[in-house]
Each structure stands twice: as C-alpha cells, then as structure tokens.
Amino acid sequence: MIAIVDDDALLRSALEMLFGSLGYRSIAYESATSFLASGDAGACHCVISDVSMPGMSGFELTRELRTIGHVVPVILITALSGAALSAQATACGARCLLTKPLEPGQLIECVKEALAA
C-alpha cells in the first residue's frame, strides 16, 4: 500500500488515481497526524508526503515514522526548492525529494525504486 499524505485535496485525488491506474493500492490522508492516527503506517510499503502542511511537516512525519520503528521509504514533495531542503530531506531519511509541479514519470520511478529496495 502507498500512503499519500498531502493537505491539497486535488493532488491527493490525482495521485490516488495515478497509482490506482498502475495497479497500486493507495490511501490518501489530509495530514500527517491523520495518517499516524489511522494505524496504517505499519501496512504501508511507501509514503508520499508533502513537506509543508499545517501541523506536522513531511520532515517531521519522516522522523516520527523512524522513531516509532517504521522504516518505510518516504518520498517528499514540495513547491519549494533549494539546497537546504535537500539537506533536510536527506537528514531525516527521505528516499527522494521532488518539486511541484510533479513530473508523473519521475514520481513513478521513485516509487518503483522505493518498493524494490
């Protein structure tokens, strides 16, 4: 299962449709806290999360997953760019950091690599 965590409802829906069309099961969450509260973290094989969300950020979510013992690959997405963000993504253990607007092929490739690892 792929967890999609983003406060943008349109993007969540588009990513669910994209991965569904490729035969993947995905579940979308509007926030990091709703994802963690769902109890689904242990069943996920990959997490796609926005970096900037109200409440807990994607960086914080990635660290929290590691803290509670889930070593699931995390792909972070953001509308921002810069070396500092890349360094933060690496430091928290994210597998990829992609910038919006997302290139579907690049995201699909990151997910395939994450699932194969």
Protein backbone atom coordinates (compact mmCIF):
# COMPACT_ATOMS: atom_id res chain seq x y z
CA MET A 1 0.00 0.00 0.00
CA ILE A 2 1.13 3.54 -0.78
CA ALA A 3 0.14 6.27 1.67
CA ILE A 4 -0.38 9.72 0.16
CA VAL A 5 -0.18 12.49 2.75
CA ASP A 6 -0.97 15.99 1.49
CA ASP A 7 -3.26 18.83 2.55
CA ASP A 8 -4.16 19.54 -1.11
CA ALA A 9 -7.30 17.50 -1.87
CA LEU A 10 -6.89 17.76 -5.65
CA LEU A 11 -3.32 16.48 -5.55
CA ARG A 12 -4.29 13.63 -3.19
CA SER A 13 -7.05 12.59 -5.57
CA ALA A 14 -4.81 12.84 -8.65
CA LEU A 15 -2.09 10.73 -7.02
CA GLU A 16 -4.62 8.11 -5.90
CA MET A 17 -5.92 7.87 -9.47
CA LEU A 18 -2.40 7.74 -10.91
CA PHE A 19 -1.24 4.90 -8.69
CA GLY A 20 -4.58 3.09 -8.98
CA SER A 21 -4.23 3.15 -12.78
CA LEU A 22 -0.84 1.46 -12.34
CA GLY A 23 -2.31 -1.29 -10.17
CA TYR A 24 -1.10 0.01 -6.81
CA ARG A 25 -3.33 0.25 -3.76
CA SER A 26 -3.13 3.70 -2.19
CA ILE A 27 -4.84 5.52 0.63
CA ALA A 28 -4.82 9.30 0.99
CA TYR A 29 -4.64 11.35 4.19
CA GLU A 30 -5.13 15.10 4.60
CA SER A 31 -2.42 15.44 7.25
CA ALA A 32 0.50 13.67 8.85
CA THR A 33 -1.39 13.42 12.12
CA SER A 34 -4.40 11.79 10.47
CA PHE A 35 -2.08 9.28 8.79
CA LEU A 36 -0.34 8.43 12.06
CA ALA A 37 -3.66 8.23 13.92
CA SER A 38 -5.09 5.82 11.32
CA GLY A 39 -2.81 3.00 12.42
CA ASP A 40 -2.00 2.27 8.75
CA ALA A 41 1.72 3.15 8.98
CA GLY A 42 2.73 -0.46 9.61
CA ALA A 43 0.90 -1.66 6.49
CA CYS A 44 2.48 0.88 4.14
CA HIS A 45 5.20 -0.02 1.70
CA CYS A 46 5.84 3.59 0.69
CA VAL A 47 4.75 7.05 1.88
CA ILE A 48 4.44 10.09 -0.38
CA SER A 49 4.18 13.25 1.71
CA ASP A 50 4.10 16.97 1.15
CA VAL A 51 6.80 18.84 3.03
CA SER A 52 4.71 21.88 4.00
CA MET A 53 1.42 21.05 5.70
CA PRO A 54 -0.44 22.53 8.65
CA GLY A 55 0.64 20.87 11.87
CA MET A 56 3.28 18.22 11.27
CA SER A 57 5.53 18.69 8.23
CA GLY A 58 6.69 15.94 5.92
CA PHE A 59 10.15 16.13 7.52
CA GLU A 60 8.61 15.64 10.97
CA LEU A 61 6.45 12.77 9.68
CA THR A 62 9.52 11.03 8.26
CA ARG A 63 11.39 11.37 11.57
CA GLU A 64 8.34 10.21 13.55
CA LEU A 65 7.96 7.09 11.40
CA ARG A 66 11.61 6.23 12.14
CA THR A 67 11.12 6.96 15.85
CA ILE A 68 8.17 4.57 16.13
CA GLY A 69 10.05 1.87 14.23
CA HIS A 70 8.60 2.10 10.72
CA VAL A 71 11.42 2.16 8.19
CA VAL A 72 9.10 2.62 5.24
CA PRO A 73 10.56 4.59 2.31
CA VAL A 74 9.31 8.18 2.24
CA ILE A 75 9.14 10.34 -0.86
CA LEU A 76 8.77 14.02 -0.04
CA ILE A 77 7.21 16.55 -2.40
CA THR A 78 7.36 20.32 -2.18
CA ALA A 79 6.64 23.51 -4.09
CA LEU A 80 9.85 24.98 -2.69
CA SER A 81 13.41 24.26 -3.76
CA GLY A 82 16.92 24.75 -2.52
CA ALA A 83 19.94 23.02 -1.08
CA ALA A 84 18.68 23.45 2.49
CA LEU A 85 15.52 21.47 1.72
CA SER A 86 17.52 18.72 0.04
CA ALA A 87 19.83 18.55 3.05
CA GLN A 88 16.85 18.35 5.42
CA ALA A 89 15.26 15.59 3.35
CA THR A 90 18.48 13.58 3.42
CA ALA A 91 18.98 14.20 7.14
CA CYS A 92 15.51 12.96 8.09
CA GLY A 93 15.89 9.83 5.96
CA ALA A 94 13.66 10.59 2.97
CA ARG A 95 14.33 8.48 -0.11
CA CYS A 96 13.53 11.25 -2.64
CA LEU A 97 12.65 14.93 -2.64
CA LEU A 98 10.63 16.02 -5.67
CA THR A 99 9.44 19.50 -6.55
CA LYS A 100 5.97 20.51 -7.67
CA PRO A 101 4.61 20.58 -10.24
CA LEU A 102 5.31 16.88 -10.14
CA GLU A 103 6.56 15.05 -13.19
CA PRO A 104 4.49 11.82 -13.06
CA GLY A 105 7.25 9.70 -14.62
CA GLN A 106 9.79 10.87 -12.06
CA LEU A 107 7.41 10.17 -9.16
CA ILE A 108 6.53 6.74 -10.53
CA GLU A 109 10.22 5.90 -10.88
CA CYS A 110 10.93 6.99 -7.28
CA VAL A 111 8.05 4.83 -6.03
CA LYS A 112 9.19 1.81 -8.06
CA GLU A 113 12.73 2.17 -6.70
CA ALA A 114 11.42 2.57 -3.15
CA LEU A 115 9.23 -0.52 -3.42
CA ALA A 116 12.04 -2.58 -4.94
CA ALA A 117 14.51 -1.66 -2.17
